[in-house]
Amino acid sequence: MIDNWRKATTSVDNSTCVETGWTEGLVGFRDTKQASLTGDQPKLVFSKDAARTFLTMIKSPDRANGNL
């Protein structure tokens, strides 16, 4: 279970950010707006290798140009 959710210190305080959390083997991402929900909040959870691949893909210039 991930219980150390953090958002970037450079984020604007308007709840439109992504938070990340981690355990020894997992990395999770969720929308800041979801933090106030009770129960099981929607999130994406990946192994560390899959999280690295996910971040590489979403940062890719090809994705920004609609080529993926």
Protein backbone atom coordinates (compact mmCIF):
# COMPACT_ATOMS: atom_id res chain seq x y z
CA MET A 1 0.00 0.00 0.00
CA ILE A 2 1.31 3.43 -0.92
CA ASP A 3 0.85 5.95 1.89
CA ASN A 4 3.49 8.61 1.19
CA TRP A 5 1.84 10.62 -1.61
CA ARG A 6 3.70 13.82 -2.57
CA LYS A 7 3.21 16.53 -5.16
CA ALA A 8 5.98 18.60 -6.68
CA THR A 9 7.10 21.55 -4.60
CA THR A 10 6.91 23.67 -7.75
CA SER A 11 3.20 22.89 -8.18
CA VAL A 12 0.65 25.66 -8.03
CA ASP A 13 -1.75 25.28 -5.10
CA ASN A 14 -4.87 24.77 -7.22
CA SER A 15 -5.38 20.98 -7.05
CA THR A 16 -4.54 20.37 -10.72
CA CYS A 17 -1.37 18.42 -10.07
CA VAL A 18 -0.25 14.83 -10.10
CA GLU A 19 0.96 13.24 -6.91
CA THR A 20 3.41 10.38 -6.75
CA GLY A 21 3.99 7.81 -4.07
CA TRP A 22 6.18 4.73 -3.78
CA THR A 23 7.03 1.61 -1.89
CA GLU A 24 10.08 -0.61 -2.24
CA GLY A 25 8.82 -2.14 -5.50
CA LEU A 26 5.96 0.09 -6.70
CA VAL A 27 5.43 3.64 -7.93
CA GLY A 28 1.98 5.21 -7.97
CA PHE A 29 0.47 8.29 -9.60
CA ARG A 30 -2.84 9.99 -8.81
CA ASP A 31 -4.64 13.27 -9.42
CA THR A 32 -4.35 15.70 -6.50
CA LYS A 33 -8.12 16.16 -6.53
CA GLN A 34 -8.49 12.47 -5.62
CA ALA A 35 -6.70 12.93 -2.28
CA SER A 36 -9.87 14.18 -0.60
CA LEU A 37 -11.93 11.12 -1.62
CA THR A 38 -12.59 8.49 1.00
CA GLY A 39 -12.10 4.81 0.32
CA ASP A 40 -10.02 3.42 -2.52
CA GLN A 41 -8.94 6.40 -4.62
CA PRO A 42 -8.26 6.02 -8.38
CA LYS A 43 -4.56 5.73 -9.13
CA LEU A 44 -2.07 4.20 -11.52
CA VAL A 45 0.38 1.81 -9.87
CA PHE A 46 3.40 0.40 -11.69
CA SER A 47 6.51 -1.61 -10.95
CA LYS A 48 9.58 0.65 -10.87
CA ASP A 49 10.63 -0.45 -14.37
CA ALA A 50 7.13 0.07 -15.78
CA ALA A 51 6.92 3.51 -14.12
CA ARG A 52 10.21 4.50 -15.76
CA THR A 53 8.85 3.38 -19.16
CA PHE A 54 5.54 5.21 -18.55
CA LEU A 55 7.32 8.48 -17.70
CA THR A 56 9.63 8.16 -20.70
CA MET A 57 6.62 7.66 -22.96
CA ILE A 58 4.57 10.59 -21.63
CA LYS A 59 7.59 12.92 -21.85
CA SER A 60 8.35 11.84 -25.43
CA PRO A 61 8.28 14.54 -28.14
CA ASP A 62 6.52 11.99 -30.36
CA ARG A 63 3.63 11.84 -27.88
CA ALA A 64 3.39 15.62 -27.80
CA ASN A 65 3.13 15.61 -31.59
CA GLY A 66 0.43 12.92 -31.60
CA ASN A 67 2.73 10.32 -33.18
CA LEU A 68 2.27 7.51 -30.64
